[in-house]
N, C-alpha and C. Protein backbone atom coordinates (compact mmCIF):
# COMPACT_ATOMS: atom_id res chain seq x y z
N MET A 1 147.34 -1.49 136.58
CA MET A 1 146.13 -0.79 137.02
C MET A 1 145.53 0.01 135.88
N GLN A 2 146.34 0.65 135.13
CA GLN A 2 145.84 1.48 134.03
C GLN A 2 145.14 0.63 132.98
N THR A 3 145.69 -0.54 132.74
CA THR A 3 145.06 -1.43 131.77
C THR A 3 143.73 -1.90 132.28
N LEU A 4 143.66 -2.21 133.56
CA LEU A 4 142.39 -2.64 134.16
C LEU A 4 141.37 -1.51 134.11
N GLN A 5 141.84 -0.31 134.41
CA GLN A 5 140.95 0.86 134.37
C GLN A 5 140.42 1.08 132.96
N SER A 6 141.28 0.90 131.99
CA SER A 6 140.86 1.07 130.60
C SER A 6 139.81 0.02 130.23
N LEU A 7 140.03 -1.18 130.73
CA LEU A 7 139.08 -2.25 130.46
C LEU A 7 137.72 -1.95 131.08
N ILE A 8 137.78 -1.44 132.33
CA ILE A 8 136.52 -1.11 133.01
C ILE A 8 135.79 -0.01 132.24
N GLU A 9 136.51 1.00 131.83
CA GLU A 9 135.89 2.11 131.08
C GLU A 9 135.30 1.61 129.76
N LYS A 10 136.04 0.69 129.15
CA LYS A 10 135.57 0.14 127.89
C LYS A 10 134.25 -0.61 128.09
N LEU A 11 134.27 -1.41 129.15
CA LEU A 11 133.05 -2.17 129.46
C LEU A 11 131.89 -1.23 129.77
N GLN A 12 132.20 -0.17 130.48
CA GLN A 12 131.16 0.80 130.81
C GLN A 12 130.61 1.47 129.54
N ARG A 13 131.53 1.84 128.65
CA ARG A 13 131.09 2.48 127.41
C ARG A 13 130.23 1.52 126.58
N GLU A 14 130.69 0.27 126.53
CA GLU A 14 129.93 -0.72 125.77
C GLU A 14 128.55 -0.94 126.39
N ALA A 15 128.53 -0.94 127.73
CA ALA A 15 127.25 -1.12 128.41
C ALA A 15 126.32 0.06 128.13
N VAL A 16 126.91 1.26 128.18
CA VAL A 16 126.11 2.46 127.90
C VAL A 16 125.62 2.45 126.46
N GLU A 17 126.50 2.10 125.54
CA GLU A 17 126.12 2.06 124.13
C GLU A 17 125.03 1.02 123.88
N GLU A 18 125.21 -0.15 124.54
CA GLU A 18 124.21 -1.20 124.39
C GLU A 18 122.87 -0.74 124.94
N GLY A 19 122.95 -0.06 126.08
CA GLY A 19 121.72 0.48 126.67
C GLY A 19 121.07 1.49 125.75
N GLN A 20 121.90 2.33 125.15
CA GLN A 20 121.36 3.33 124.23
C GLN A 20 120.72 2.67 123.00
N ARG A 21 121.43 1.61 122.49
CA ARG A 21 120.88 0.90 121.33
C ARG A 21 119.54 0.25 121.67
N GLN A 22 119.50 -0.37 122.84
CA GLN A 22 118.24 -1.00 123.25
C GLN A 22 117.14 0.04 123.45
N ALA A 23 117.57 1.16 124.05
CA ALA A 23 116.59 2.23 124.25
C ALA A 23 116.08 2.76 122.92
N GLN A 24 117.00 2.93 121.97
CA GLN A 24 116.60 3.40 120.64
C GLN A 24 115.69 2.39 119.95
N ALA A 25 116.04 1.10 120.11
CA ALA A 25 115.22 0.06 119.50
C ALA A 25 113.82 0.05 120.12
N ILE A 26 113.80 0.16 121.45
CA ILE A 26 112.50 0.19 122.12
C ILE A 26 111.70 1.41 121.68
N THR A 27 112.40 2.56 121.59
CA THR A 27 111.74 3.79 121.16
C THR A 27 111.21 3.67 119.74
N ALA A 28 112.04 3.10 118.86
CA ALA A 28 111.64 2.93 117.46
C ALA A 28 110.44 1.99 117.36
N GLU A 29 110.51 0.90 118.15
CA GLU A 29 109.39 -0.05 118.13
C GLU A 29 108.11 0.61 118.66
N ALA A 30 108.28 1.39 119.73
CA ALA A 30 107.12 2.08 120.29
C ALA A 30 106.55 3.08 119.30
N GLN A 31 107.45 3.80 118.62
CA GLN A 31 106.99 4.75 117.62
C GLN A 31 106.26 4.05 116.46
N ALA A 32 106.83 2.92 116.04
CA ALA A 32 106.21 2.16 114.95
C ALA A 32 104.82 1.68 115.37
N LYS A 33 104.74 1.16 116.61
CA LYS A 33 103.44 0.72 117.11
C LYS A 33 102.46 1.88 117.21
N ALA A 34 102.99 3.02 117.66
CA ALA A 34 102.13 4.20 117.79
C ALA A 34 101.62 4.65 116.43
N ILE A 35 102.54 4.66 115.45
CA ILE A 35 102.14 5.06 114.10
C ILE A 35 101.10 4.09 113.54
N LYS A 36 101.35 2.78 113.77
CA LYS A 36 100.41 1.77 113.31
C LYS A 36 99.05 1.93 113.98
N THR A 37 99.10 2.19 115.28
CA THR A 37 97.85 2.38 116.03
C THR A 37 97.09 3.60 115.52
N VAL A 38 97.85 4.68 115.27
CA VAL A 38 97.22 5.90 114.77
C VAL A 38 96.59 5.66 113.40
N LYS A 39 97.34 4.96 112.52
CA LYS A 39 96.82 4.68 111.19
C LYS A 39 95.57 3.80 111.27
N GLU A 40 95.63 2.79 112.15
CA GLU A 40 94.46 1.92 112.31
C GLU A 40 93.26 2.72 112.85
N ALA A 41 93.57 3.61 113.80
CA ALA A 41 92.49 4.44 114.36
C ALA A 41 91.92 5.37 113.30
N GLU A 42 92.82 5.95 112.48
CA GLU A 42 92.36 6.82 111.41
C GLU A 42 91.51 6.06 110.39
N ALA A 43 91.98 4.85 110.04
CA ALA A 43 91.23 4.04 109.09
C ALA A 43 89.86 3.66 109.66
N LYS A 44 89.87 3.29 110.95
CA LYS A 44 88.60 2.94 111.60
C LYS A 44 87.67 4.15 111.65
N ALA A 45 88.25 5.30 111.99
CA ALA A 45 87.45 6.53 112.04
C ALA A 45 86.89 6.87 110.65
N ALA A 46 87.73 6.65 109.62
CA ALA A 46 87.27 6.92 108.25
C ALA A 46 86.12 5.99 107.88
N ARG A 47 86.26 4.69 108.28
CA ARG A 47 85.18 3.74 107.99
C ARG A 47 83.90 4.13 108.73
N ILE A 48 84.08 4.51 109.99
CA ILE A 48 82.91 4.93 110.79
C ILE A 48 82.26 6.17 110.17
N LEU A 49 83.10 7.13 109.76
CA LEU A 49 82.59 8.35 109.15
C LEU A 49 81.87 8.04 107.84
N GLU A 50 82.48 7.16 107.02
CA GLU A 50 81.86 6.79 105.75
C GLU A 50 80.51 6.10 105.99
N GLN A 51 80.50 5.18 106.98
CA GLN A 51 79.26 4.49 107.31
C GLN A 51 78.21 5.47 107.82
N ALA A 52 78.68 6.43 108.65
CA ALA A 52 77.75 7.43 109.18
C ALA A 52 77.18 8.28 108.05
N GLU A 53 78.03 8.63 107.08
CA GLU A 53 77.55 9.41 105.94
C GLU A 53 76.54 8.60 105.12
N GLN A 54 76.84 7.32 104.92
CA GLN A 54 75.91 6.47 104.18
C GLN A 54 74.58 6.33 104.92
N ASP A 55 74.69 6.13 106.25
CA ASP A 55 73.47 6.02 107.06
C ASP A 55 72.67 7.32 107.01
N ALA A 56 73.39 8.45 107.10
CA ALA A 56 72.71 9.75 107.06
C ALA A 56 72.04 9.96 105.70
N LYS A 57 72.75 9.56 104.62
CA LYS A 57 72.17 9.69 103.28
C LYS A 57 70.94 8.81 103.13
N ALA A 58 71.07 7.56 103.62
CA ALA A 58 69.93 6.64 103.54
C ALA A 58 68.76 7.16 104.37
N PHE A 59 69.06 7.70 105.55
CA PHE A 59 68.01 8.24 106.41
C PHE A 59 67.33 9.43 105.73
N THR A 60 68.15 10.28 105.11
CA THR A 60 67.59 11.44 104.41
C THR A 60 66.70 11.00 103.26
N GLU A 61 67.17 9.99 102.51
CA GLU A 61 66.36 9.49 101.39
C GLU A 61 65.05 8.89 101.88
N ARG A 62 65.14 8.10 102.98
CA ARG A 62 63.92 7.51 103.54
C ARG A 62 62.98 8.59 104.04
N SER A 63 63.56 9.59 104.71
CA SER A 63 62.73 10.68 105.22
C SER A 63 62.08 11.45 104.08
N THR A 64 62.86 11.69 103.01
CA THR A 64 62.32 12.41 101.86
C THR A 64 61.18 11.62 101.22
N ARG A 65 61.41 10.31 101.05
CA ARG A 65 60.34 9.47 100.48
C ARG A 65 59.11 9.46 101.38
N ALA A 66 59.37 9.39 102.70
CA ALA A 66 58.24 9.38 103.64
C ALA A 66 57.47 10.69 103.57
N LEU A 67 58.20 11.80 103.48
CA LEU A 67 57.54 13.11 103.38
C LEU A 67 56.78 13.24 102.07
N GLU A 68 57.41 12.75 100.98
CA GLU A 68 56.72 12.80 99.69
C GLU A 68 55.44 11.97 99.72
N GLN A 69 55.54 10.78 100.33
CA GLN A 69 54.36 9.93 100.43
C GLN A 69 53.29 10.57 101.30
N ALA A 70 53.77 11.18 102.41
CA ALA A 70 52.82 11.88 103.29
C ALA A 70 52.15 13.03 102.55
N GLY A 71 52.96 13.73 101.72
CA GLY A 71 52.39 14.82 100.93
C GLY A 71 51.36 14.32 99.94
N ARG A 72 51.70 13.19 99.27
CA ARG A 72 50.74 12.61 98.33
C ARG A 72 49.47 12.16 99.05
N ASP A 73 49.67 11.51 100.21
CA ASP A 73 48.50 11.07 100.98
C ASP A 73 47.64 12.26 101.40
N LEU A 74 48.33 13.35 101.79
CA LEU A 74 47.59 14.55 102.19
C LEU A 74 46.79 15.11 101.02
N LEU A 75 47.45 15.17 99.85
CA LEU A 75 46.75 15.70 98.67
C LEU A 75 45.56 14.82 98.30
N ILE A 76 45.78 13.49 98.38
CA ILE A 76 44.67 12.57 98.07
C ILE A 76 43.54 12.76 99.05
N SER A 77 43.91 12.86 100.35
CA SER A 77 42.89 13.03 101.38
C SER A 77 42.14 14.34 101.19
N VAL A 78 42.91 15.42 100.95
CA VAL A 78 42.27 16.72 100.74
C VAL A 78 41.41 16.69 99.48
N SER A 79 41.96 16.08 98.41
CA SER A 79 41.22 16.01 97.15
C SER A 79 39.92 15.25 97.32
N GLN A 80 40.00 14.10 97.99
CA GLN A 80 38.78 13.31 98.20
C GLN A 80 37.78 14.07 99.07
N GLY A 81 38.31 14.74 100.10
CA GLY A 81 37.42 15.50 100.97
C GLY A 81 36.75 16.65 100.23
N VAL A 82 37.55 17.37 99.44
CA VAL A 82 37.00 18.50 98.69
C VAL A 82 36.02 18.02 97.63
N GLU A 83 36.37 16.92 96.94
CA GLU A 83 35.46 16.39 95.92
C GLU A 83 34.15 15.94 96.54
N SER A 84 34.26 15.33 97.74
CA SER A 84 33.04 14.90 98.43
C SER A 84 32.18 16.10 98.80
N ILE A 85 32.85 17.15 99.32
CA ILE A 85 32.11 18.37 99.67
C ILE A 85 31.51 19.00 98.42
N LEU A 86 32.32 19.04 97.35
CA LEU A 86 31.83 19.62 96.09
C LEU A 86 30.61 18.86 95.57
N ALA A 87 30.71 17.52 95.58
CA ALA A 87 29.59 16.72 95.10
C ALA A 87 28.34 16.98 95.93
N GLY A 88 28.54 17.10 97.26
CA GLY A 88 27.40 17.39 98.13
C GLY A 88 26.80 18.75 97.85
N LEU A 89 27.68 19.75 97.64
CA LEU A 89 27.18 21.10 97.34
C LEU A 89 26.45 21.14 96.00
N VAL A 90 27.01 20.43 95.01
CA VAL A 90 26.37 20.41 93.69
C VAL A 90 24.99 19.76 93.79
N ARG A 91 24.92 18.63 94.48
CA ARG A 91 23.63 17.94 94.62
C ARG A 91 22.63 18.81 95.38
N GLU A 92 23.13 19.47 96.43
CA GLU A 92 22.23 20.32 97.22
C GLU A 92 21.70 21.48 96.38
N SER A 93 22.60 22.12 95.62
CA SER A 93 22.17 23.25 94.79
C SER A 93 21.20 22.80 93.70
N LEU A 94 21.48 21.62 93.11
CA LEU A 94 20.59 21.11 92.08
C LEU A 94 19.24 20.70 92.67
N GLN A 95 19.29 20.16 93.88
CA GLN A 95 18.04 19.78 94.55
C GLN A 95 17.12 20.99 94.69
N GLN A 96 17.75 22.14 94.95
CA GLN A 96 16.97 23.37 95.09
C GLN A 96 16.61 23.98 93.73
N ALA A 97 17.51 23.79 92.75
CA ALA A 97 17.30 24.44 91.45
C ALA A 97 16.31 23.69 90.56
N LEU A 98 16.33 22.35 90.64
CA LEU A 98 15.47 21.57 89.76
C LEU A 98 14.05 21.47 90.32
N THR A 99 13.40 22.60 90.40
CA THR A 99 12.02 22.65 90.89
C THR A 99 11.07 22.19 89.79
N PRO A 100 9.85 21.84 90.13
CA PRO A 100 8.88 21.47 89.09
C PRO A 100 8.70 22.54 88.04
N GLU A 101 8.80 23.81 88.45
CA GLU A 101 8.66 24.90 87.48
C GLU A 101 9.79 24.87 86.46
N VAL A 102 11.04 24.66 86.95
CA VAL A 102 12.19 24.60 86.04
C VAL A 102 12.06 23.39 85.13
N LEU A 103 11.72 22.24 85.70
CA LEU A 103 11.54 21.04 84.88
C LEU A 103 10.46 21.25 83.84
N ARG A 104 9.41 21.93 84.21
CA ARG A 104 8.31 22.20 83.28
C ARG A 104 8.80 22.98 82.08
N GLU A 105 9.60 24.02 82.32
CA GLU A 105 10.10 24.83 81.22
C GLU A 105 11.03 24.02 80.32
N ILE A 106 11.88 23.19 80.94
CA ILE A 106 12.79 22.36 80.14
C ILE A 106 12.00 21.39 79.28
N LEU A 107 11.02 20.74 79.91
CA LEU A 107 10.23 19.75 79.18
C LEU A 107 9.40 20.38 78.07
N LEU A 108 8.92 21.59 78.29
CA LEU A 108 8.17 22.28 77.24
C LEU A 108 9.04 22.48 76.01
N LYS A 109 10.27 22.94 76.23
CA LYS A 109 11.18 23.17 75.10
C LYS A 109 11.50 21.86 74.40
N MET A 110 11.78 20.82 75.20
CA MET A 110 12.13 19.53 74.60
C MET A 110 10.93 18.94 73.86
N THR A 111 9.74 19.08 74.44
CA THR A 111 8.54 18.55 73.80
C THR A 111 8.32 19.21 72.44
N GLU A 112 8.43 20.53 72.41
CA GLU A 112 8.24 21.25 71.15
C GLU A 112 9.28 20.83 70.11
N ALA A 113 10.54 20.61 70.58
CA ALA A 113 11.59 20.22 69.65
C ALA A 113 11.37 18.82 69.11
N TYR A 114 10.98 17.89 69.97
CA TYR A 114 10.79 16.51 69.54
C TYR A 114 9.56 16.33 68.66
N LEU A 115 8.50 17.10 68.94
CA LEU A 115 7.26 16.92 68.19
C LEU A 115 7.37 17.40 66.74
N VAL A 116 8.31 18.29 66.47
CA VAL A 116 8.46 18.78 65.09
C VAL A 116 9.40 17.89 64.28
N ARG A 117 9.96 16.85 64.91
CA ARG A 117 10.89 15.96 64.21
C ARG A 117 10.18 14.65 63.88
N GLY A 118 10.57 14.05 62.79
CA GLY A 118 9.92 12.82 62.37
C GLY A 118 10.65 11.58 62.84
N GLY A 119 10.30 10.43 62.25
CA GLY A 119 10.97 9.19 62.58
C GLY A 119 10.60 8.67 63.96
N ARG A 120 11.46 7.85 64.51
CA ARG A 120 11.18 7.20 65.79
C ARG A 120 11.12 8.20 66.93
N GLU A 121 11.66 9.41 66.76
CA GLU A 121 11.67 10.39 67.83
C GLU A 121 10.30 11.01 68.07
N ARG A 122 9.31 10.64 67.25
CA ARG A 122 7.97 11.19 67.47
C ARG A 122 7.37 10.63 68.76
N ARG A 123 7.85 9.47 69.20
CA ARG A 123 7.35 8.87 70.43
C ARG A 123 8.36 9.13 71.53
N MET A 124 8.00 9.95 72.52
CA MET A 124 8.93 10.33 73.58
C MET A 124 8.30 10.04 74.94
N THR A 125 9.04 9.34 75.79
CA THR A 125 8.58 9.04 77.15
C THR A 125 9.47 9.77 78.14
N VAL A 126 8.86 10.49 79.06
CA VAL A 126 9.60 11.24 80.07
C VAL A 126 9.41 10.54 81.41
N LEU A 127 10.51 10.08 82.03
CA LEU A 127 10.47 9.37 83.30
C LEU A 127 10.75 10.36 84.43
N LEU A 128 9.83 10.46 85.38
CA LEU A 128 9.91 11.47 86.43
C LEU A 128 9.81 10.85 87.81
N SER A 129 10.24 11.62 88.81
CA SER A 129 10.07 11.20 90.20
C SER A 129 8.59 11.31 90.56
N PRO A 130 8.14 10.58 91.59
CA PRO A 130 6.72 10.64 91.97
C PRO A 130 6.25 12.06 92.25
N GLU A 131 7.05 12.85 92.97
CA GLU A 131 6.65 14.22 93.32
C GLU A 131 6.49 15.09 92.07
N ASP A 132 7.52 15.07 91.20
CA ASP A 132 7.46 15.89 89.99
C ASP A 132 6.42 15.36 89.01
N HIS A 133 6.25 14.06 88.98
CA HIS A 133 5.29 13.45 88.06
C HIS A 133 3.88 13.97 88.32
N GLU A 134 3.50 14.03 89.57
CA GLU A 134 2.15 14.47 89.93
C GLU A 134 1.89 15.89 89.46
N GLN A 135 2.86 16.80 89.73
CA GLN A 135 2.65 18.20 89.37
C GLN A 135 2.72 18.42 87.87
N LEU A 136 3.66 17.76 87.21
CA LEU A 136 3.83 17.98 85.78
C LEU A 136 2.71 17.34 84.96
N VAL A 137 2.18 16.22 85.42
CA VAL A 137 1.06 15.61 84.71
C VAL A 137 -0.14 16.56 84.72
N LYS A 138 -0.38 17.19 85.85
CA LYS A 138 -1.49 18.15 85.93
C LYS A 138 -1.27 19.30 84.96
N TYR A 139 -0.04 19.80 84.94
CA TYR A 139 0.25 20.94 84.07
C TYR A 139 0.10 20.55 82.60
N TYR A 140 0.69 19.43 82.22
CA TYR A 140 0.60 18.99 80.83
C TYR A 140 -0.84 18.65 80.46
N ALA A 141 -1.56 18.06 81.39
CA ALA A 141 -2.94 17.69 81.10
C ALA A 141 -3.79 18.91 80.79
N GLU A 142 -3.49 20.00 81.44
CA GLU A 142 -4.26 21.22 81.25
C GLU A 142 -3.88 21.95 79.97
N LEU A 143 -2.60 22.05 79.67
CA LEU A 143 -2.14 22.90 78.57
C LEU A 143 -1.72 22.14 77.31
N TYR A 144 -1.32 20.88 77.46
CA TYR A 144 -0.76 20.17 76.31
C TYR A 144 -1.41 18.80 76.10
N ARG A 145 -2.72 18.73 76.33
CA ARG A 145 -3.42 17.46 76.19
C ARG A 145 -3.28 16.92 74.75
N GLN A 146 -3.43 17.79 73.79
CA GLN A 146 -3.36 17.36 72.40
C GLN A 146 -1.94 16.90 72.03
N LYS A 147 -0.95 17.63 72.50
CA LYS A 147 0.43 17.27 72.17
C LYS A 147 0.82 15.96 72.86
N LEU A 148 0.32 15.76 74.07
CA LEU A 148 0.62 14.50 74.74
C LEU A 148 0.09 13.33 73.93
N ALA A 149 -1.08 13.52 73.35
CA ALA A 149 -1.69 12.45 72.56
C ALA A 149 -0.88 12.18 71.30
N GLN A 150 -0.12 13.14 70.85
CA GLN A 150 0.65 12.98 69.62
C GLN A 150 1.92 12.17 69.82
N GLY A 151 2.31 11.92 71.03
CA GLY A 151 3.51 11.10 71.19
C GLY A 151 4.36 11.41 72.41
N VAL A 152 3.98 12.33 73.26
CA VAL A 152 4.74 12.63 74.47
C VAL A 152 4.00 12.04 75.66
N GLU A 153 4.70 11.20 76.43
CA GLU A 153 4.06 10.51 77.54
C GLU A 153 4.88 10.70 78.81
N LEU A 154 4.20 11.01 79.90
CA LEU A 154 4.85 11.15 81.20
C LEU A 154 4.64 9.87 81.99
N LYS A 155 5.74 9.30 82.52
CA LYS A 155 5.64 8.07 83.30
C LYS A 155 6.35 8.24 84.64
N LEU A 156 5.87 7.46 85.60
CA LEU A 156 6.45 7.47 86.93
C LEU A 156 7.67 6.55 86.97
N ASP A 157 8.75 7.01 87.60
CA ASP A 157 9.96 6.19 87.78
C ASP A 157 10.47 6.42 89.19
N ASN A 158 10.31 5.43 90.05
CA ASN A 158 10.70 5.58 91.46
C ASN A 158 12.21 5.72 91.65
N GLU A 159 12.99 5.36 90.62
CA GLU A 159 14.44 5.50 90.73
C GLU A 159 14.89 6.94 90.52
N VAL A 160 14.05 7.76 89.96
CA VAL A 160 14.38 9.17 89.74
C VAL A 160 14.03 9.96 91.00
N VAL A 161 15.04 10.60 91.58
CA VAL A 161 14.83 11.41 92.78
C VAL A 161 14.42 12.82 92.40
N ARG A 162 15.13 13.42 91.49
CA ARG A 162 14.81 14.76 91.01
C ARG A 162 15.33 14.86 89.58
N GLY A 163 14.64 15.62 88.74
CA GLY A 163 15.00 15.70 87.33
C GLY A 163 14.16 14.73 86.53
N PHE A 164 14.70 14.29 85.38
CA PHE A 164 13.93 13.36 84.54
C PHE A 164 14.85 12.67 83.54
N ARG A 165 14.34 11.56 82.99
CA ARG A 165 14.98 10.87 81.87
C ARG A 165 14.04 10.92 80.68
N VAL A 166 14.61 11.06 79.51
CA VAL A 166 13.82 11.05 78.28
C VAL A 166 14.13 9.75 77.55
N ALA A 167 13.10 8.96 77.30
CA ALA A 167 13.26 7.68 76.62
C ALA A 167 12.51 7.70 75.30
N MET A 168 13.07 6.99 74.31
CA MET A 168 12.41 6.88 73.02
C MET A 168 11.65 5.57 72.97
N ASP A 169 11.17 5.18 71.80
CA ASP A 169 10.41 3.94 71.64
C ASP A 169 11.18 2.76 72.20
N GLU A 170 10.44 1.82 72.77
CA GLU A 170 10.99 0.58 73.32
C GLU A 170 11.87 0.84 74.53
N GLY A 171 11.69 1.97 75.17
CA GLY A 171 12.41 2.24 76.40
C GLY A 171 13.86 2.62 76.24
N TYR A 172 14.30 2.96 75.05
CA TYR A 172 15.69 3.35 74.83
C TYR A 172 15.95 4.71 75.47
N ILE A 173 16.94 4.76 76.41
CA ILE A 173 17.23 6.01 77.11
C ILE A 173 18.08 6.90 76.22
N GLU A 174 17.56 8.06 75.91
CA GLU A 174 18.26 8.97 75.01
C GLU A 174 18.99 10.07 75.77
N HIS A 175 18.31 10.64 76.77
CA HIS A 175 18.90 11.74 77.53
C HIS A 175 18.64 11.52 79.02
N ASP A 176 19.62 11.87 79.84
CA ASP A 176 19.49 11.72 81.29
C ASP A 176 19.67 13.09 81.93
N PHE A 177 18.59 13.64 82.46
CA PHE A 177 18.63 14.93 83.14
C PHE A 177 18.26 14.77 84.61
N THR A 178 18.61 13.61 85.18
CA THR A 178 18.31 13.39 86.60
C THR A 178 19.31 14.16 87.46
N LEU A 179 18.95 14.28 88.73
CA LEU A 179 19.82 14.98 89.68
C LEU A 179 21.21 14.35 89.70
N SER A 180 21.27 13.01 89.75
CA SER A 180 22.56 12.32 89.83
C SER A 180 23.40 12.56 88.59
N ALA A 181 22.78 12.49 87.41
CA ALA A 181 23.52 12.66 86.16
C ALA A 181 24.05 14.08 86.01
N ILE A 182 23.21 15.05 86.33
CA ILE A 182 23.66 16.45 86.22
C ILE A 182 24.74 16.74 87.25
N ALA A 183 24.57 16.22 88.48
CA ALA A 183 25.57 16.44 89.53
C ALA A 183 26.90 15.82 89.14
N GLU A 184 26.86 14.62 88.56
CA GLU A 184 28.09 13.97 88.12
C GLU A 184 28.78 14.77 87.03
N ALA A 185 28.01 15.28 86.09
CA ALA A 185 28.58 16.07 85.00
C ALA A 185 29.19 17.37 85.51
N LEU A 186 28.50 18.04 86.42
CA LEU A 186 29.03 19.29 86.97
C LEU A 186 30.28 19.05 87.80
N THR A 187 30.25 17.99 88.61
CA THR A 187 31.42 17.66 89.42
C THR A 187 32.62 17.36 88.54
N TYR A 188 32.39 16.59 87.47
CA TYR A 188 33.47 16.28 86.53
C TYR A 188 34.01 17.55 85.88
N TYR A 189 33.12 18.47 85.56
CA TYR A 189 33.53 19.74 84.95
C TYR A 189 34.36 20.57 85.91
N LEU A 190 34.01 20.53 87.20
CA LEU A 190 34.70 21.37 88.19
C LEU A 190 35.99 20.76 88.70
N GLN A 191 36.21 19.48 88.49
CA GLN A 191 37.40 18.81 89.02
C GLN A 191 38.71 19.43 88.53
N PRO A 192 38.85 19.79 87.24
CA PRO A 192 40.10 20.43 86.81
C PRO A 192 40.40 21.72 87.56
N HIS A 193 39.37 22.46 87.91
CA HIS A 193 39.57 23.69 88.68
C HIS A 193 40.06 23.35 90.09
N LEU A 194 39.52 22.28 90.67
CA LEU A 194 39.98 21.84 91.99
C LEU A 194 41.42 21.38 91.93
N ALA A 195 41.80 20.73 90.82
CA ALA A 195 43.16 20.23 90.68
C ALA A 195 44.18 21.36 90.73
N ARG A 196 43.77 22.55 90.31
CA ARG A 196 44.68 23.70 90.37
C ARG A 196 44.66 24.35 91.75
N ILE A 197 43.56 24.19 92.47
CA ILE A 197 43.42 24.83 93.77
C ILE A 197 44.07 24.01 94.88
N ILE A 198 43.85 22.69 94.85
CA ILE A 198 44.29 21.82 95.95
C ILE A 198 45.79 21.87 96.20
N PRO A 199 46.68 21.83 95.17
CA PRO A 199 48.11 21.91 95.46
C PRO A 199 48.52 23.19 96.19
N ARG A 200 47.73 24.25 96.02
CA ARG A 200 48.07 25.50 96.72
C ARG A 200 47.54 25.48 98.15
N THR A 201 46.43 24.79 98.37
CA THR A 201 45.82 24.79 99.70
C THR A 201 46.38 23.70 100.60
N ALA A 202 46.85 22.59 100.01
CA ALA A 202 47.33 21.47 100.82
C ALA A 202 48.51 21.86 101.72
N PRO A 203 49.56 22.58 101.22
CA PRO A 203 50.64 22.98 102.12
C PRO A 203 50.16 23.83 103.29
N LYS A 204 49.19 24.68 103.05
CA LYS A 204 48.66 25.51 104.13
C LYS A 204 47.97 24.64 105.17
N LEU A 205 47.22 23.64 104.71
CA LEU A 205 46.56 22.73 105.64
C LEU A 205 47.59 21.95 106.43
N SER A 206 48.69 21.55 105.76
CA SER A 206 49.74 20.80 106.44
C SER A 206 50.40 21.63 107.52
N GLN A 207 50.65 22.90 107.21
CA GLN A 207 51.28 23.79 108.19
C GLN A 207 50.35 24.06 109.36
N GLU A 208 49.07 24.22 109.04
CA GLU A 208 48.11 24.47 110.12
C GLU A 208 47.93 23.26 111.00
N GLY A 209 48.02 22.06 110.36
CA GLY A 209 47.86 20.83 111.13
C GLY A 209 49.07 20.60 112.01
């Protein structure tokens, strides 16, 4: 009986030990799988995070470029609008300033200067708008009839709105004092000043908009 009992106990111990070994193996395998799963999850999370960072960086760069382009477009739009307004204001002011009286004084000075010079410049033709031509011809006819005969001639030019052109012999245009030419010159002169003003005003317009 004692031998049988010892055998039974031995078998029981072996069964328990085998169970423990299997349990340990199962536990180790489960732990290994868990570690592998965690590492895979961490790697996947790292890839997702890296991709998210790249996407965020790309989005930021695109947004920055879009904002920069929008800023440039705004500056261009503001610049064009301001230049258009400036050109209109310049033309309007010149339209009021270039009266027949002012043109008369300018032409008197130019006539006196040209008549005292020799060579081909002795023959001077002044091209005027119909309105200014009528008034200035009367004035010159009354006060400068002799000088006109010496080489200064007033002619009608329907292309001239306000101001005048001075032409030499054979119709060579020497000087352009028309409204358009003076307005263009003044606008060109004022543009550098606008270039300094617009960058300061554009952000304010953007914020207000």
